[in-house]
Protein backbone atom coordinates (compact mmCIF):
# COMPACT_ATOMS: atom_id res chain seq x y z
CA MET A 1 98.87 123.19 94.77
CA THR A 2 96.63 120.68 95.82
CA ALA A 3 98.23 118.09 98.72
CA ARG A 4 98.50 114.56 97.82
CA ILE A 5 97.62 111.75 99.76
CA LEU A 6 99.32 108.33 99.76
CA ILE A 7 97.97 104.82 99.80
CA VAL A 8 100.22 101.88 99.81
CA THR A 9 99.04 98.23 99.50
CA GLY A 10 99.33 95.45 97.48
CA ASP A 11 98.30 92.12 96.28
CA ALA A 12 95.19 90.69 98.19
CA ALA A 13 94.10 93.80 100.57
CA GLU A 14 90.51 94.14 101.14
CA SER A 15 88.96 96.13 98.13
CA LEU A 16 86.53 98.22 99.93
CA GLU A 17 89.32 99.55 102.29
CA VAL A 18 91.59 100.53 99.17
CA LEU A 19 89.06 102.13 96.78
CA TYR A 20 86.61 103.75 99.63
CA PRO A 21 89.45 106.30 101.14
CA TYR A 22 90.70 106.60 97.64
CA GLN A 23 87.61 107.60 95.88
CA ARG A 24 86.51 109.44 99.41
CA LEU A 25 90.01 111.05 99.61
CA ARG A 26 89.45 112.57 95.64
CA GLU A 27 86.05 113.33 95.89
CA GLU A 28 87.70 116.13 98.59
CA GLY A 29 89.66 117.11 96.23
CA TYR A 30 92.77 115.40 96.97
CA GLU A 31 95.14 113.79 94.35
CA VAL A 32 95.55 110.49 95.52
CA ASP A 33 98.39 107.83 94.65
CA ILE A 34 98.61 103.92 95.11
CA ALA A 35 101.90 102.35 95.80
CA ALA A 36 102.62 98.71 95.78
CA PRO A 37 105.83 96.66 95.61
CA ALA A 38 105.90 97.21 91.77
CA ARG A 39 103.80 99.09 89.08
CA LYS A 40 100.95 96.60 88.10
CA ARG A 41 97.49 95.69 88.32
CA LEU A 42 96.67 94.71 91.44
CA ARG A 43 94.30 92.01 92.71
CA PHE A 44 92.23 92.91 95.91
CA VAL A 45 89.95 90.81 97.52
CA VAL A 46 86.81 90.54 99.32
CA HIS A 47 86.28 89.96 102.97
CA ASP A 48 82.65 89.24 104.69
CA PHE A 49 81.10 87.51 107.51
CA GLU A 50 79.00 84.97 107.06
CA PRO A 51 76.96 82.83 109.20
CA GLY A 52 78.40 79.56 110.24
CA PHE A 53 81.95 80.76 109.62
CA ASP A 54 84.36 81.89 112.72
CA THR A 55 86.25 84.52 110.79
CA TYR A 56 85.85 86.17 107.35
CA THR A 57 85.35 84.32 104.27
CA GLU A 58 87.62 85.58 101.19
CA LYS A 59 86.42 86.12 97.82
CA PRO A 60 88.03 87.44 94.92
CA GLY A 61 88.02 91.49 94.60
CA TYR A 62 88.88 94.18 92.08
CA THR A 63 91.71 94.49 90.26
CA TRP A 64 93.41 98.32 90.35
CA PRO A 65 96.61 99.66 88.92
CA ALA A 66 99.53 100.45 91.02
CA ASP A 67 100.55 104.26 90.33
CA LEU A 68 103.89 103.58 91.81
CA ALA A 69 106.55 101.15 93.23
CA PHE A 70 107.79 101.90 96.83
CA ALA A 71 111.10 101.87 95.76
CA GLU A 72 109.98 105.38 93.49
CA VAL A 73 107.79 107.02 96.45
CA GLU A 74 109.37 109.87 97.38
CA PRO A 75 107.28 110.40 101.29
CA GLY A 76 108.25 114.13 101.06
CA ARG A 77 105.49 114.87 98.26
CA TYR A 78 102.50 113.71 100.35
CA ALA A 79 100.50 115.21 102.73
CA ALA A 80 99.52 112.02 104.66
CA LEU A 81 99.37 108.17 104.15
CA VAL A 82 96.69 105.73 104.00
CA ILE A 83 97.16 101.95 105.11
CA PRO A 84 94.31 99.62 103.69
CA GLY A 85 94.15 95.99 105.42
CA GLY A 86 93.17 92.39 103.86
CA ARG A 87 95.94 89.98 103.79
CA ALA A 88 98.54 92.53 101.88
CA PRO A 89 99.88 94.13 105.49
CA GLU A 90 101.01 90.33 106.49
CA TYR A 91 103.92 90.01 103.74
CA LEU A 92 103.83 94.09 102.86
CA ARG A 93 105.62 94.58 106.69
CA ASN A 94 108.72 92.45 105.51
CA ASP A 95 109.34 95.08 102.35
CA PRO A 96 112.47 97.46 103.49
CA GLU A 97 111.43 100.21 100.78
CA LEU A 98 107.65 100.37 102.42
CA ARG A 99 109.04 100.50 105.50
CA LYS A 100 111.05 103.55 104.80
CA ILE A 101 108.06 105.14 103.58
CA LEU A 102 106.27 104.28 107.01
CA LYS A 103 109.19 105.79 109.24
CA ALA A 104 109.00 108.84 107.31
CA PHE A 105 105.71 109.95 107.51
CA PHE A 106 105.90 108.71 111.30
CA ASP A 107 109.00 110.66 112.04
CA ALA A 108 106.89 113.77 110.34
CA ASP A 109 104.20 113.51 112.17
CA LYS A 110 102.05 113.77 109.16
CA PRO A 111 98.54 112.05 109.29
CA VAL A 112 98.20 108.37 109.21
CA ALA A 113 94.82 106.59 108.70
CA GLN A 114 95.08 102.32 108.95
CA ILE A 115 92.43 99.95 109.18
CA CYS A 116 91.84 96.10 109.79
CA HIS A 117 95.36 94.63 109.49
CA GLY A 118 96.41 98.00 108.39
CA PRO A 119 98.20 98.42 111.82
CA LEU A 120 100.48 95.35 111.44
CA LEU A 121 102.48 97.85 108.73
CA THR A 122 102.85 100.40 111.75
CA ALA A 123 103.88 98.42 114.32
CA ALA A 124 106.87 96.62 111.96
CA VAL A 125 108.21 100.04 112.17
CA ASP A 126 107.33 100.41 116.11
CA GLY A 127 104.64 103.36 115.21
CA LEU A 128 102.23 101.94 117.90
CA ARG A 129 104.06 102.38 120.78
CA GLY A 130 102.41 103.90 123.47
CA ARG A 131 99.63 105.07 121.31
CA ARG A 132 95.79 104.38 121.59
CA VAL A 133 94.57 102.23 118.25
CA THR A 134 91.88 99.98 117.01
CA ALA A 135 92.15 96.96 114.64
CA TYR A 136 90.35 94.14 113.36
CA PRO A 137 89.51 92.51 116.61
CA ALA A 138 91.75 89.47 116.02
CA LEU A 139 94.87 91.65 116.20
CA GLU A 140 94.17 92.81 119.36
CA PRO A 141 97.21 90.70 121.44
CA ASP A 142 99.24 92.13 118.57
CA MET A 143 98.56 95.77 119.02
CA GLN A 144 99.27 95.24 122.86
CA SER A 145 102.73 93.30 122.03
CA ALA A 146 103.52 96.54 119.69
CA GLY A 147 103.17 98.49 122.59
CA ALA A 148 99.43 100.17 121.68
CA GLU A 149 96.41 100.54 123.90
CA PHE A 150 93.67 98.80 121.75
CA GLN A 151 90.60 100.16 121.64
CA ASP A 152 87.30 98.09 120.26
CA ALA A 153 85.60 101.16 118.44
CA GLU A 154 84.85 102.25 114.73
CA ALA A 155 87.56 104.79 114.85
CA VAL A 156 90.23 105.81 117.14
CA VAL A 157 92.12 109.06 117.10
CA ASP A 158 95.73 109.21 118.87
CA GLY A 159 96.93 112.91 117.24
CA THR A 160 97.88 112.20 113.70
CA LEU A 161 97.52 108.63 113.61
CA VAL A 162 93.49 107.14 112.55
CA SER A 163 92.41 103.73 112.95
CA ALA A 164 89.50 101.87 112.38
CA ARG A 165 88.79 97.88 112.63
CA ALA A 166 87.40 96.91 109.39
CA TRP A 167 85.41 98.25 106.34
CA PRO A 168 82.09 98.30 108.42
CA ASP A 169 83.60 101.24 110.11
CA HIS A 170 84.91 103.07 107.10
CA SER A 171 82.16 106.59 107.59
CA ALA A 172 83.48 106.87 111.08
CA TRP A 173 86.99 106.21 110.05
CA MET A 174 87.43 108.56 106.85
CA ARG A 175 85.39 111.63 109.05
CA GLU A 176 87.93 111.21 111.38
CA PHE A 177 90.82 110.92 109.02
CA LEU A 178 89.08 113.99 107.16
CA THR A 179 88.91 116.31 110.47
CA VAL A 180 92.89 115.52 110.93
CA LEU A 181 94.12 116.10 107.56
CA ARG A 182 92.17 119.08 107.19
CA ALA A 183 94.01 120.61 110.04
CA LYS A 184 97.38 119.34 108.68
CA ALA A 185 96.80 119.60 104.78
CA SER A 186 93.79 121.63 103.37
CA VAL A 187 92.98 120.92 99.56
CA THR A 188 93.96 124.15 98.78
């Protein structure tokens, strides 16, 4: 049986941070489902860095269907979890169904990949305390408040948790996550 991976996201997620792991994991032979607050066509965004701006800019991105609503997710069916960034984590962390999903993955010590603002979700379920992580650099104080040791690096691995700063770090992030994932849940 092919291992399944769950991506949790919502509107205003960063397009590349959803679609790159989705396609990369499928390329490796994993089955991948995308879950959101409801089954619907999600509207992603594109965050870019432009000269003269103090922070990233945001533009409309791709749309993509959610396969499942959070309430339909059975965490036991999945070998690993991917948490993209963008603005979605800001409001998703308040979703009680999503918090149950996140807690189940951490309680079972399953592989979790998080990027950019995604660690706001793991912080909401106290999944960062005592761990080494990275995130979008502006979140360093949030990570420290959640009890994590922040590291400004392309990818940080702490046990089964793999984190990255933002989409420019995709290659390092997925390389490290696939190493963890293959050890815990190979494709075949």
